[in-house]
Amino acid sequence: MRGAPLFRPLEEVWYRTGAVEAGSRPFRVQDPDGDLPRFFESLGERPLAAPDEAG
């Protein structure tokens, strides 16, 4: 898949998991057969944002 273009732009997503948020950077690339495998990079955990910071 080296050199394959991204199917969509990169984005950073965070999910609440109890008292923290877990982050990831998912991405998809289209392989020569037309399949769209999904990969992700873990961004680790962070404390929950205060209500006024959550936006």
PDB file of N, CA and C in Angstrom:
ATOM      1  N   MET A   1       0.811  -1.198   0.000  1.00  0.00           N
ATOM      2  CA  MET A   1       0.000   0.000   0.000  1.00  0.00           C
ATOM      3  C   MET A   1       0.850   1.256   0.000  1.00  0.00           C
ATOM      4  N   ARG A   2       2.135   1.082   0.060  1.00  0.00           N
ATOM      5  CA  ARG A   2       3.023   2.230   0.069  1.00  0.00           C
ATOM      6  C   ARG A   2       2.757   3.090  -1.161  1.00  0.00           C
ATOM      7  N   GLY A   3       2.578   4.383  -0.948  1.00  0.00           N
ATOM      8  CA  GLY A   3       2.345   5.307  -2.045  1.00  0.00           C
ATOM      9  C   GLY A   3       0.891   5.418  -2.468  1.00  0.00           C
ATOM     10  N   ALA A   4      -0.002   4.608  -1.883  1.00  0.00           N
ATOM     11  CA  ALA A   4      -1.420   4.691  -2.232  1.00  0.00           C
ATOM     12  C   ALA A   4      -2.004   5.985  -1.665  1.00  0.00           C
ATOM     13  N   PRO A   5      -2.862   6.658  -2.428  1.00  0.00           N
ATOM     14  CA  PRO A   5      -3.441   7.908  -1.928  1.00  0.00           C
ATOM     15  C   PRO A   5      -4.468   7.650  -0.827  1.00  0.00           C
ATOM     16  N   LEU A   6      -4.599   8.620   0.076  1.00  0.00           N
ATOM     17  CA  LEU A   6      -5.615   8.525   1.117  1.00  0.00           C
ATOM     18  C   LEU A   6      -6.985   8.680   0.477  1.00  0.00           C
ATOM     19  N   PHE A   7      -7.954   7.904   0.951  1.00  0.00           N
ATOM     20  CA  PHE A   7      -9.314   7.974   0.419  1.00  0.00           C
ATOM     21  C   PHE A   7     -10.022   9.228   0.921  1.00  0.00           C
ATOM     22  N   ARG A   8      -9.743   9.632   2.149  1.00  0.00           N
ATOM     23  CA  ARG A   8     -10.285  10.863   2.760  1.00  0.00           C
ATOM     24  C   ARG A   8      -9.155  11.534   3.517  1.00  0.00           C
ATOM     25  N   PRO A   9      -9.281  12.835   3.787  1.00  0.00           N
ATOM     26  CA  PRO A   9      -8.228  13.516   4.553  1.00  0.00           C
ATOM     27  C   PRO A   9      -8.089  12.927   5.962  1.00  0.00           C
ATOM     28  N   LEU A  10      -6.903  13.048   6.537  1.00  0.00           N
ATOM     29  CA  LEU A  10      -6.683  12.581   7.907  1.00  0.00           C
ATOM     30  C   LEU A  10      -7.510  13.404   8.878  1.00  0.00           C
ATOM     31  N   GLU A  11      -7.966  12.755   9.931  1.00  0.00           N
ATOM     32  CA  GLU A  11      -8.668  13.455  10.997  1.00  0.00           C
ATOM     33  C   GLU A  11      -8.271  12.822  12.327  1.00  0.00           C
ATOM     34  N   GLU A  12      -8.451  13.568  13.368  1.00  0.00           N
ATOM     35  CA  GLU A  12      -8.155  13.104  14.717  1.00  0.00           C
ATOM     36  C   GLU A  12      -9.488  12.974  15.439  1.00  0.00           C
ATOM     37  N   VAL A  13      -9.752  11.815  16.054  1.00  0.00           N
ATOM     38  CA  VAL A  13     -11.007  11.610  16.768  1.00  0.00           C
ATOM     39  C   VAL A  13     -10.721  11.171  18.200  1.00  0.00           C
ATOM     40  N   TRP A  14     -11.579  11.602  19.113  1.00  0.00           N
ATOM     41  CA  TRP A  14     -11.442  11.264  20.527  1.00  0.00           C
ATOM     42  C   TRP A  14     -12.755  10.700  21.029  1.00  0.00           C
ATOM     43  N   TYR A  15     -12.681   9.604  21.791  1.00  0.00           N
ATOM     44  CA  TYR A  15     -13.851   8.929  22.331  1.00  0.00           C
ATOM     45  C   TYR A  15     -13.741   8.880  23.851  1.00  0.00           C
ATOM     46  N   ARG A  16     -14.834   9.156  24.528  1.00  0.00           N
ATOM     47  CA  ARG A  16     -14.844   9.085  25.985  1.00  0.00           C
ATOM     48  C   ARG A  16     -14.843   7.619  26.400  1.00  0.00           C
ATOM     49  N   THR A  17     -13.911   7.282  27.272  1.00  0.00           N
ATOM     50  CA  THR A  17     -13.825   5.915  27.805  1.00  0.00           C
ATOM     51  C   THR A  17     -13.670   6.009  29.316  1.00  0.00           C
ATOM     52  N   GLY A  18     -14.783   6.213  29.997  1.00  0.00           N
ATOM     53  CA  GLY A  18     -14.739   6.370  31.450  1.00  0.00           C
ATOM     54  C   GLY A  18     -14.278   7.763  31.821  1.00  0.00           C
ATOM     55  N   ALA A  19     -13.185   7.853  32.595  1.00  0.00           N
ATOM     56  CA  ALA A  19     -12.702   9.135  33.093  1.00  0.00           C
ATOM     57  C   ALA A  19     -11.680   9.802  32.160  1.00  0.00           C
ATOM     58  N   VAL A  20     -11.422   9.191  31.017  1.00  0.00           N
ATOM     59  CA  VAL A  20     -10.458   9.744  30.060  1.00  0.00           C
ATOM     60  C   VAL A  20     -11.034   9.682  28.646  1.00  0.00           C
ATOM     61  N   GLU A  21     -10.320  10.271  27.715  1.00  0.00           N
ATOM     62  CA  GLU A  21     -10.659  10.152  26.301  1.00  0.00           C
ATOM     63  C   GLU A  21      -9.538   9.396  25.601  1.00  0.00           C
ATOM     64  N   ALA A  22      -9.900   8.525  24.687  1.00  0.00           N
ATOM     65  CA  ALA A  22      -8.925   7.768  23.895  1.00  0.00           C
ATOM     66  C   ALA A  22      -8.957   8.328  22.477  1.00  0.00           C
ATOM     67  N   GLY A  23      -7.782   8.597  21.930  1.00  0.00           N
ATOM     68  CA  GLY A  23      -7.722   9.199  20.611  1.00  0.00           C
ATOM     69  C   GLY A  23      -7.142   8.277  19.564  1.00  0.00           C
ATOM     70  N   SER A  24      -7.565   8.523  18.329  1.00  0.00           N
ATOM     71  CA  SER A  24      -6.996   7.782  17.206  1.00  0.00           C
ATOM     72  C   SER A  24      -7.044   8.652  15.957  1.00  0.00           C
ATOM     73  N   ARG A  25      -6.253   8.264  14.998  1.00  0.00           N
ATOM     74  CA  ARG A  25      -6.214   8.933  13.701  1.00  0.00           C
ATOM     75  C   ARG A  25      -6.492   7.869  12.641  1.00  0.00           C
ATOM     76  N   PRO A  26      -7.792   7.662  12.308  1.00  0.00           N
ATOM     77  CA  PRO A  26      -8.126   6.629  11.326  1.00  0.00           C
ATOM     78  C   PRO A  26      -7.889   7.126   9.904  1.00  0.00           C
ATOM     79  N   PHE A  27      -7.587   6.195   9.013  1.00  0.00           N
ATOM     80  CA  PHE A  27      -7.453   6.559   7.609  1.00  0.00           C
ATOM     81  C   PHE A  27      -7.718   5.346   6.740  1.00  0.00           C
ATOM     82  N   ARG A  28      -8.122   5.615   5.520  1.00  0.00           N
ATOM     83  CA  ARG A  28      -8.394   4.564   4.536  1.00  0.00           C
ATOM     84  C   ARG A  28      -7.607   4.865   3.275  1.00  0.00           C
ATOM     85  N   VAL A  29      -7.164   3.809   2.654  1.00  0.00           N
ATOM     86  CA  VAL A  29      -6.503   3.928   1.350  1.00  0.00           C
ATOM     87  C   VAL A  29      -7.189   2.948   0.405  1.00  0.00           C
ATOM     88  N   GLN A  30      -7.237   3.292  -0.847  1.00  0.00           N
ATOM     89  CA  GLN A  30      -7.849   2.393  -1.816  1.00  0.00           C
ATOM     90  C   GLN A  30      -6.767   1.558  -2.472  1.00  0.00           C
ATOM     91  N   ASP A  31      -6.875   0.228  -2.330  1.00  0.00           N
ATOM     92  CA  ASP A  31      -5.862  -0.641  -2.923  1.00  0.00           C
ATOM     93  C   ASP A  31      -6.166  -0.862  -4.411  1.00  0.00           C
ATOM     94  N   PRO A  32      -5.256  -1.476  -5.144  1.00  0.00           N
ATOM     95  CA  PRO A  32      -5.454  -1.659  -6.589  1.00  0.00           C
ATOM     96  C   PRO A  32      -6.712  -2.444  -6.956  1.00  0.00           C
ATOM     97  N   ASP A  33      -7.219  -3.275  -6.026  1.00  0.00           N
ATOM     98  CA  ASP A  33      -8.442  -4.036  -6.294  1.00  0.00           C
ATOM     99  C   ASP A  33      -9.708  -3.236  -5.997  1.00  0.00           C
ATOM    100  N   GLY A  34      -9.554  -2.021  -5.476  1.00  0.00           N
ATOM    101  CA  GLY A  34     -10.709  -1.188  -5.156  1.00  0.00           C
ATOM    102  C   GLY A  34     -11.182  -1.315  -3.722  1.00  0.00           C
ATOM    103  N   ASP A  35     -10.551  -2.194  -2.930  1.00  0.00           N
ATOM    104  CA  ASP A  35     -10.926  -2.330  -1.521  1.00  0.00           C
ATOM    105  C   ASP A  35     -10.462  -1.107  -0.743  1.00  0.00           C
ATOM    106  N   LEU A  36     -11.142  -0.835   0.386  1.00  0.00           N
ATOM    107  CA  LEU A  36     -10.803   0.312   1.225  1.00  0.00           C
ATOM    108  C   LEU A  36     -10.466  -0.147   2.643  1.00  0.00           C
ATOM    109  N   PRO A  37      -9.292  -0.725   2.849  1.00  0.00           N
ATOM    110  CA  PRO A  37      -8.934  -1.132   4.216  1.00  0.00           C
ATOM    111  C   PRO A  37      -8.787   0.091   5.115  1.00  0.00           C
ATOM    112  N   ARG A  38      -9.161  -0.095   6.378  1.00  0.00           N
ATOM    113  CA  ARG A  38      -9.087   0.995   7.360  1.00  0.00           C
ATOM    114  C   ARG A  38      -7.946   0.702   8.321  1.00  0.00           C
ATOM    115  N   PHE A  39      -7.120   1.695   8.520  1.00  0.00           N
ATOM    116  CA  PHE A  39      -6.010   1.612   9.466  1.00  0.00           C
ATOM    117  C   PHE A  39      -6.175   2.754  10.457  1.00  0.00           C
ATOM    118  N   PHE A  40      -5.467   2.669  11.572  1.00  0.00           N
ATOM    119  CA  PHE A  40      -5.498   3.804  12.495  1.00  0.00           C
ATOM    120  C   PHE A  40      -4.208   3.870  13.284  1.00  0.00           C
ATOM    121  N   GLU A  41      -3.926   5.073  13.738  1.00  0.00           N
ATOM    122  CA  GLU A  41      -2.796   5.336  14.621  1.00  0.00           C
ATOM    123  C   GLU A  41      -3.368   5.731  15.967  1.00  0.00           C
ATOM    124  N   SER A  42      -2.945   5.082  17.021  1.00  0.00           N
ATOM    125  CA  SER A  42      -3.406   5.427  18.362  1.00  0.00           C
ATOM    126  C   SER A  42      -2.744   6.722  18.814  1.00  0.00           C
ATOM    127  N   LEU A  43      -3.542   7.609  19.409  1.00  0.00           N
ATOM    128  CA  LEU A  43      -3.023   8.861  19.952  1.00  0.00           C
ATOM    129  C   LEU A  43      -2.931   8.814  21.470  1.00  0.00           C
ATOM    130  N   GLY A  44      -3.262   7.664  22.043  1.00  0.00           N
ATOM    131  CA  GLY A  44      -3.178   7.505  23.496  1.00  0.00           C
ATOM    132  C   GLY A  44      -4.416   8.041  24.195  1.00  0.00           C
ATOM    133  N   GLU A  45      -4.242   8.390  25.447  1.00  0.00           N
ATOM    134  CA  GLU A  45      -5.338   8.891  26.267  1.00  0.00           C
ATOM    135  C   GLU A  45      -5.036  10.291  26.754  1.00  0.00           C
ATOM    136  N   ARG A  46      -6.109  11.006  27.087  1.00  0.00           N
ATOM    137  CA  ARG A  46      -5.977  12.343  27.671  1.00  0.00           C
ATOM    138  C   ARG A  46      -7.096  12.527  28.685  1.00  0.00           C
ATOM    139  N   PRO A  47      -6.901  13.437  29.639  1.00  0.00           N
ATOM    140  CA  PRO A  47      -7.976  13.699  30.610  1.00  0.00           C
ATOM    141  C   PRO A  47      -9.183  14.291  29.891  1.00  0.00           C
ATOM    142  N   LEU A  48     -10.351  14.088  30.480  1.00  0.00           N
ATOM    143  CA  LEU A  48     -11.552  14.699  29.915  1.00  0.00           C
ATOM    144  C   LEU A  48     -11.409  16.218  29.945  1.00  0.00           C
ATOM    145  N   ALA A  49     -11.875  16.861  28.904  1.00  0.00           N
ATOM    146  CA  ALA A  49     -11.859  18.328  28.847  1.00  0.00           C
ATOM    147  C   ALA A  49     -12.906  18.878  29.810  1.00  0.00           C
ATOM    148  N   ALA A  50     -12.614  20.014  30.429  1.00  0.00           N
ATOM    149  CA  ALA A  50     -13.575  20.687  31.279  1.00  0.00           C
ATOM    150  C   ALA A  50     -14.751  21.122  30.413  1.00  0.00           C
ATOM    151  N   PRO A  51     -15.975  21.203  30.964  1.00  0.00           N
ATOM    152  CA  PRO A  51     -17.151  21.541  30.155  1.00  0.00           C
ATOM    153  C   PRO A  51     -16.992  22.827  29.326  1.00  0.00           C
ATOM    154  N   ASP A  52     -16.324  23.852  29.882  1.00  0.00           N
ATOM    155  CA  ASP A  52     -16.168  25.099  29.124  1.00  0.00           C
ATOM    156  C   ASP A  52     -15.118  24.974  28.019  1.00  0.00           C
ATOM    157  N   GLU A  53     -14.259  23.934  28.033  1.00  0.00           N
ATOM    158  CA  GLU A  53     -13.240  23.735  27.019  1.00  0.00           C
ATOM    159  C   GLU A  53     -13.724  22.832  25.888  1.00  0.00           C
ATOM    160  N   ALA A  54     -14.791  22.080  26.128  1.00  0.00           N
ATOM    161  CA  ALA A  54     -15.259  21.079  25.163  1.00  0.00           C
ATOM    162  C   ALA A  54     -15.826  21.723  23.894  1.00  0.00           C
ATOM    163  N   GLY A  55     -16.251  22.958  23.975  1.00  0.00           N
ATOM    164  CA  GLY A  55     -16.734  23.673  22.808  1.00  0.00           C
ATOM    165  C   GLY A  55     -18.063  23.260  22.389  1.00  0.00           C
TER     166      GLY A  55
END
